Amino acid sequence: MRLTDFWQRMADHFGAAYADSFARDYVMSELGGRTVHEALDAGWSAKEVWRVVCAVMDVPYERR
């Protein structure tokens, strides 16, 4: 998954205004105690991070 696809999915699910805020502020233990931005910066793939976001935030299957 490309980062542009990842960010589009984040915006589609959370809304354009909230997606970046969520990605900067919400720490997830499933990402090693990191935020989305921190996990991506640490080398996690966009696909891995999206899977975690989907699981943690109960994203509907059809949006995954």
PDB file of N, CA and C in Angstrom:
ATOM      1  N   MET A   1       0.850  -1.176   0.000  1.00  0.00           N
ATOM      2  CA  MET A   1       0.000   0.000   0.000  1.00  0.00           C
ATOM      3  C   MET A   1       0.898   1.241   0.000  1.00  0.00           C
ATOM      4  N   ARG A   2       0.593   2.160  -0.869  1.00  0.00           N
ATOM      5  CA  ARG A   2       1.339   3.412  -0.906  1.00  0.00           C
ATOM      6  C   ARG A   2       0.841   4.342   0.192  1.00  0.00           C
ATOM      7  N   LEU A   3       1.709   5.250   0.618  1.00  0.00           N
ATOM      8  CA  LEU A   3       1.324   6.205   1.663  1.00  0.00           C
ATOM      9  C   LEU A   3       0.141   7.062   1.229  1.00  0.00           C
ATOM     10  N   THR A   4       0.073   7.414  -0.040  1.00  0.00           N
ATOM     11  CA  THR A   4      -1.063   8.216  -0.497  1.00  0.00           C
ATOM     12  C   THR A   4      -2.375   7.455  -0.325  1.00  0.00           C
ATOM     13  N   ASP A   5      -2.357   6.160  -0.594  1.00  0.00           N
ATOM     14  CA  ASP A   5      -3.553   5.329  -0.378  1.00  0.00           C
ATOM     15  C   ASP A   5      -3.887   5.257   1.107  1.00  0.00           C
ATOM     16  N   PHE A   6      -2.866   5.073   1.922  1.00  0.00           N
ATOM     17  CA  PHE A   6      -3.070   5.011   3.369  1.00  0.00           C
ATOM     18  C   PHE A   6      -3.754   6.283   3.877  1.00  0.00           C
ATOM     19  N   TRP A   7      -3.201   7.437   3.501  1.00  0.00           N
ATOM     20  CA  TRP A   7      -3.765   8.698   4.002  1.00  0.00           C
ATOM     21  C   TRP A   7      -5.164   8.949   3.452  1.00  0.00           C
ATOM     22  N   GLN A   8      -5.444   8.488   2.245  1.00  0.00           N
ATOM     23  CA  GLN A   8      -6.792   8.630   1.707  1.00  0.00           C
ATOM     24  C   GLN A   8      -7.778   7.773   2.509  1.00  0.00           C
ATOM     25  N   ARG A   9      -7.364   6.561   2.851  1.00  0.00           N
ATOM     26  CA  ARG A   9      -8.226   5.693   3.670  1.00  0.00           C
ATOM     27  C   ARG A   9      -8.451   6.295   5.054  1.00  0.00           C
ATOM     28  N   MET A  10      -7.406   6.867   5.627  1.00  0.00           N
ATOM     29  CA  MET A  10      -7.544   7.530   6.935  1.00  0.00           C
ATOM     30  C   MET A  10      -8.558   8.668   6.832  1.00  0.00           C
ATOM     31  N   ALA A  11      -8.437   9.489   5.792  1.00  0.00           N
ATOM     32  CA  ALA A  11      -9.359  10.619   5.609  1.00  0.00           C
ATOM     33  C   ALA A  11     -10.780  10.135   5.352  1.00  0.00           C
ATOM     34  N   ASP A  12     -10.915   9.068   4.576  1.00  0.00           N
ATOM     35  CA  ASP A  12     -12.246   8.527   4.286  1.00  0.00           C
ATOM     36  C   ASP A  12     -12.921   8.021   5.557  1.00  0.00           C
ATOM     37  N   HIS A  13     -12.142   7.404   6.441  1.00  0.00           N
ATOM     38  CA  HIS A  13     -12.735   6.841   7.655  1.00  0.00           C
ATOM     39  C   HIS A  13     -12.942   7.883   8.754  1.00  0.00           C
ATOM     40  N   PHE A  14     -11.917   8.685   9.019  1.00  0.00           N
ATOM     41  CA  PHE A  14     -11.965   9.622  10.149  1.00  0.00           C
ATOM     42  C   PHE A  14     -12.404  11.022   9.770  1.00  0.00           C
ATOM     43  N   GLY A  15     -12.414  11.328   8.487  1.00  0.00           N
ATOM     44  CA  GLY A  15     -12.660  12.694   8.035  1.00  0.00           C
ATOM     45  C   GLY A  15     -11.319  13.384   7.853  1.00  0.00           C
ATOM     46  N   ALA A  16     -11.256  14.253   6.864  1.00  0.00           N
ATOM     47  CA  ALA A  16      -9.988  14.896   6.514  1.00  0.00           C
ATOM     48  C   ALA A  16      -9.399  15.682   7.681  1.00  0.00           C
ATOM     49  N   ALA A  17     -10.224  16.363   8.436  1.00  0.00           N
ATOM     50  CA  ALA A  17      -9.726  17.198   9.529  1.00  0.00           C
ATOM     51  C   ALA A  17      -9.221  16.369  10.707  1.00  0.00           C
ATOM     52  N   TYR A  18      -9.854  15.244  10.992  1.00  0.00           N
ATOM     53  CA  TYR A  18      -9.507  14.470  12.177  1.00  0.00           C
ATOM     54  C   TYR A  18      -8.423  13.418  11.920  1.00  0.00           C
ATOM     55  N   ALA A  19      -8.248  12.983  10.687  1.00  0.00           N
ATOM     56  CA  ALA A  19      -7.311  11.900  10.386  1.00  0.00           C
ATOM     57  C   ALA A  19      -5.896  12.221  10.849  1.00  0.00           C
ATOM     58  N   ASP A  20      -5.402  13.409  10.540  1.00  0.00           N
ATOM     59  CA  ASP A  20      -4.037  13.768  10.932  1.00  0.00           C
ATOM     60  C   ASP A  20      -3.927  13.925  12.443  1.00  0.00           C
ATOM     61  N   SER A  21      -4.935  14.499  13.057  1.00  0.00           N
ATOM     62  CA  SER A  21      -4.929  14.651  14.514  1.00  0.00           C
ATOM     63  C   SER A  21      -4.881  13.290  15.196  1.00  0.00           C
ATOM     64  N   PHE A  22      -5.697  12.371  14.732  1.00  0.00           N
ATOM     65  CA  PHE A  22      -5.698  11.011  15.262  1.00  0.00           C
ATOM     66  C   PHE A  22      -4.319  10.384  15.088  1.00  0.00           C
ATOM     67  N   ALA A  23      -3.748  10.541  13.897  1.00  0.00           N
ATOM     68  CA  ALA A  23      -2.452   9.930  13.575  1.00  0.00           C
ATOM     69  C   ALA A  23      -1.319  10.497  14.433  1.00  0.00           C
ATOM     70  N   ARG A  24      -1.453  11.724  14.875  1.00  0.00           N
ATOM     71  CA  ARG A  24      -0.414  12.351  15.698  1.00  0.00           C
ATOM     72  C   ARG A  24      -0.590  12.089  17.189  1.00  0.00           C
ATOM     73  N   ASP A  25      -1.828  11.898  17.626  1.00  0.00           N
ATOM     74  CA  ASP A  25      -2.106  11.886  19.064  1.00  0.00           C
ATOM     75  C   ASP A  25      -2.467  10.535  19.669  1.00  0.00           C
ATOM     76  N   TYR A  26      -3.019   9.626  18.897  1.00  0.00           N
ATOM     77  CA  TYR A  26      -3.535   8.369  19.449  1.00  0.00           C
ATOM     78  C   TYR A  26      -2.427   7.316  19.491  1.00  0.00           C
ATOM     79  N   VAL A  27      -2.007   6.969  20.692  1.00  0.00           N
ATOM     80  CA  VAL A  27      -0.949   5.971  20.887  1.00  0.00           C
ATOM     81  C   VAL A  27      -1.590   4.588  20.974  1.00  0.00           C
ATOM     82  N   MET A  28      -1.041   3.641  20.212  1.00  0.00           N
ATOM     83  CA  MET A  28      -1.583   2.288  20.192  1.00  0.00           C
ATOM     84  C   MET A  28      -0.521   1.290  20.632  1.00  0.00           C
ATOM     85  N   SER A  29      -0.874   0.466  21.587  1.00  0.00           N
ATOM     86  CA  SER A  29       0.072  -0.553  22.057  1.00  0.00           C
ATOM     87  C   SER A  29       0.412  -1.524  20.940  1.00  0.00           C
ATOM     88  N   GLU A  30      -0.523  -1.741  20.030  1.00  0.00           N
ATOM     89  CA  GLU A  30      -0.299  -2.649  18.904  1.00  0.00           C
ATOM     90  C   GLU A  30       0.772  -2.130  17.943  1.00  0.00           C
ATOM     91  N   LEU A  31       1.084  -0.857  18.051  1.00  0.00           N
ATOM     92  CA  LEU A  31       2.158  -0.251  17.249  1.00  0.00           C
ATOM     93  C   LEU A  31       3.409  -0.049  18.104  1.00  0.00           C
ATOM     94  N   GLY A  32       3.493  -0.805  19.183  1.00  0.00           N
ATOM     95  CA  GLY A  32       4.659  -0.686  20.054  1.00  0.00           C
ATOM     96  C   GLY A  32       4.646   0.580  20.893  1.00  0.00           C
ATOM     97  N   GLY A  33       3.445   1.041  21.236  1.00  0.00           N
ATOM     98  CA  GLY A  33       3.326   2.255  22.030  1.00  0.00           C
ATOM     99  C   GLY A  33       3.594   3.508  21.212  1.00  0.00           C
ATOM    100  N   ARG A  34       3.296   3.443  19.933  1.00  0.00           N
ATOM    101  CA  ARG A  34       3.543   4.563  19.021  1.00  0.00           C
ATOM    102  C   ARG A  34       2.230   5.095  18.452  1.00  0.00           C
ATOM    103  N   THR A  35       2.324   6.306  17.927  1.00  0.00           N
ATOM    104  CA  THR A  35       1.238   6.857  17.132  1.00  0.00           C
ATOM    105  C   THR A  35       1.416   6.373  15.695  1.00  0.00           C
ATOM    106  N   VAL A  36       0.456   6.656  14.855  1.00  0.00           N
ATOM    107  CA  VAL A  36       0.568   6.300  13.441  1.00  0.00           C
ATOM    108  C   VAL A  36       1.808   6.940  12.830  1.00  0.00           C
ATOM    109  N   HIS A  37       1.988   8.240  13.060  1.00  0.00           N
ATOM    110  CA  HIS A  37       3.146   8.936  12.496  1.00  0.00           C
ATOM    111  C   HIS A  37       4.461   8.327  12.995  1.00  0.00           C
ATOM    112  N   GLU A  38       4.519   8.028  14.274  1.00  0.00           N
ATOM    113  CA  GLU A  38       5.742   7.447  14.834  1.00  0.00           C
ATOM    114  C   GLU A  38       6.021   6.066  14.252  1.00  0.00           C
ATOM    115  N   ALA A  39       4.978   5.270  14.089  1.00  0.00           N
ATOM    116  CA  ALA A  39       5.162   3.932  13.520  1.00  0.00           C
ATOM    117  C   ALA A  39       5.657   4.016  12.083  1.00  0.00           C
ATOM    118  N   LEU A  40       5.070   4.896  11.295  1.00  0.00           N
ATOM    119  CA  LEU A  40       5.520   5.057   9.909  1.00  0.00           C
ATOM    120  C   LEU A  40       6.975   5.542   9.876  1.00  0.00           C
ATOM    121  N   ASP A  41       7.306   6.487  10.736  1.00  0.00           N
ATOM    122  CA  ASP A  41       8.682   6.999  10.807  1.00  0.00           C
ATOM    123  C   ASP A  41       9.668   5.926  11.265  1.00  0.00           C
ATOM    124  N   ALA A  42       9.179   4.973  12.069  1.00  0.00           N
ATOM    125  CA  ALA A  42      10.031   3.902  12.584  1.00  0.00           C
ATOM    126  C   ALA A  42      10.207   2.763  11.573  1.00  0.00           C
ATOM    127  N   GLY A  43       9.554   2.865  10.421  1.00  0.00           N
ATOM    128  CA  GLY A  43       9.741   1.861   9.387  1.00  0.00           C
ATOM    129  C   GLY A  43       8.605   0.886   9.188  1.00  0.00           C
ATOM    130  N   TRP A  44       7.538   1.015   9.961  1.00  0.00           N
ATOM    131  CA  TRP A  44       6.382   0.153   9.732  1.00  0.00           C
ATOM    132  C   TRP A  44       5.818   0.477   8.353  1.00  0.00           C
ATOM    133  N   SER A  45       5.339  -0.527   7.651  1.00  0.00           N
ATOM    134  CA  SER A  45       4.737  -0.279   6.346  1.00  0.00           C
ATOM    135  C   SER A  45       3.340   0.324   6.536  1.00  0.00           C
ATOM    136  N   ALA A  46       2.911   1.076   5.534  1.00  0.00           N
ATOM    137  CA  ALA A  46       1.576   1.676   5.586  1.00  0.00           C
ATOM    138  C   ALA A  46       0.504   0.592   5.714  1.00  0.00           C
ATOM    139  N   LYS A  47       0.724  -0.539   5.051  1.00  0.00           N
ATOM    140  CA  LYS A  47      -0.238  -1.643   5.112  1.00  0.00           C
ATOM    141  C   LYS A  47      -0.350  -2.199   6.536  1.00  0.00           C
ATOM    142  N   GLU A  48       0.799  -2.378   7.199  1.00  0.00           N
ATOM    143  CA  GLU A  48       0.786  -2.878   8.579  1.00  0.00           C
ATOM    144  C   GLU A  48       0.068  -1.900   9.505  1.00  0.00           C
ATOM    145  N   VAL A  49       0.373  -0.630   9.352  1.00  0.00           N
ATOM    146  CA  VAL A  49      -0.242   0.390  10.209  1.00  0.00           C
ATOM    147  C   VAL A  49      -1.746   0.443   9.952  1.00  0.00           C
ATOM    148  N   TRP A  50      -2.155   0.376   8.690  1.00  0.00           N
ATOM    149  CA  TRP A  50      -3.584   0.412   8.382  1.00  0.00           C
ATOM    150  C   TRP A  50      -4.302  -0.779   9.015  1.00  0.00           C
ATOM    151  N   ARG A  51      -3.694  -1.957   8.960  1.00  0.00           N
ATOM    152  CA  ARG A  51      -4.307  -3.136   9.591  1.00  0.00           C
ATOM    153  C   ARG A  51      -4.508  -2.927  11.083  1.00  0.00           C
ATOM    154  N   VAL A  52      -3.534  -2.335  11.745  1.00  0.00           N
ATOM    155  CA  VAL A  52      -3.649  -2.059  13.177  1.00  0.00           C
ATOM    156  C   VAL A  52      -4.761  -1.045  13.427  1.00  0.00           C
ATOM    157  N   VAL A  53      -4.781   0.037  12.663  1.00  0.00           N
ATOM    158  CA  VAL A  53      -5.828   1.050  12.823  1.00  0.00           C
ATOM    159  C   VAL A  53      -7.201   0.407  12.647  1.00  0.00           C
ATOM    160  N   CYS A  54      -7.344  -0.428  11.635  1.00  0.00           N
ATOM    161  CA  CYS A  54      -8.626  -1.103  11.391  1.00  0.00           C
ATOM    162  C   CYS A  54      -9.043  -1.962  12.579  1.00  0.00           C
ATOM    163  N   ALA A  55      -8.100  -2.708  13.123  1.00  0.00           N
ATOM    164  CA  ALA A  55      -8.414  -3.596  14.244  1.00  0.00           C
ATOM    165  C   ALA A  55      -8.751  -2.809  15.506  1.00  0.00           C
ATOM    166  N   VAL A  56      -7.973  -1.805  15.799  1.00  0.00           N
ATOM    167  CA  VAL A  56      -8.156  -1.030  17.039  1.00  0.00           C
ATOM    168  C   VAL A  56      -9.426  -0.180  16.990  1.00  0.00           C
ATOM    169  N   MET A  57      -9.694   0.400  15.832  1.00  0.00           N
ATOM    170  CA  MET A  57     -10.814   1.328  15.717  1.00  0.00           C
ATOM    171  C   MET A  57     -12.064   0.686  15.109  1.00  0.00           C
ATOM    172  N   ASP A  58     -12.069  -0.641  14.966  1.00  0.00           N
ATOM    173  CA  ASP A  58     -13.225  -1.357  14.431  1.00  0.00           C
ATOM    174  C   ASP A  58     -13.707  -0.784  13.098  1.00  0.00           C
ATOM    175  N   VAL A  59     -12.773  -0.572  12.191  1.00  0.00           N
ATOM    176  CA  VAL A  59     -13.134  -0.102  10.855  1.00  0.00           C
ATOM    177  C   VAL A  59     -13.933  -1.218  10.183  1.00  0.00           C
ATOM    178  N   PRO A  60     -15.081  -0.887   9.592  1.00  0.00           N
ATOM    179  CA  PRO A  60     -15.908  -1.906   8.935  1.00  0.00           C
ATOM    180  C   PRO A  60     -15.112  -2.644   7.851  1.00  0.00           C
ATOM    181  N   TYR A  61     -15.399  -3.905   7.702  1.00  0.00           N
ATOM    182  CA  TYR A  61     -14.674  -4.766   6.763  1.00  0.00           C
ATOM    183  C   TYR A  61     -14.630  -4.173   5.352  1.00  0.00           C
ATOM    184  N   GLU A  62     -15.738  -3.610   4.905  1.00  0.00           N
ATOM    185  CA  GLU A  62     -15.795  -3.087   3.535  1.00  0.00           C
ATOM    186  C   GLU A  62     -14.907  -1.865   3.325  1.00  0.00           C
ATOM    187  N   ARG A  63     -14.435  -1.247   4.385  1.00  0.00           N
ATOM    188  CA  ARG A  63     -13.523  -0.108   4.275  1.00  0.00           C
ATOM    189  C   ARG A  63     -12.064  -0.511   4.440  1.00  0.00           C
ATOM    190  N   ARG A  64     -11.818  -1.767   4.756  1.00  0.00           N
ATOM    191  CA  ARG A  64     -10.444  -2.214   5.001  1.00  0.00           C
ATOM    192  C   ARG A  64      -9.752  -2.438   3.744  1.00  0.00           C
TER     193      ARG A  64
END
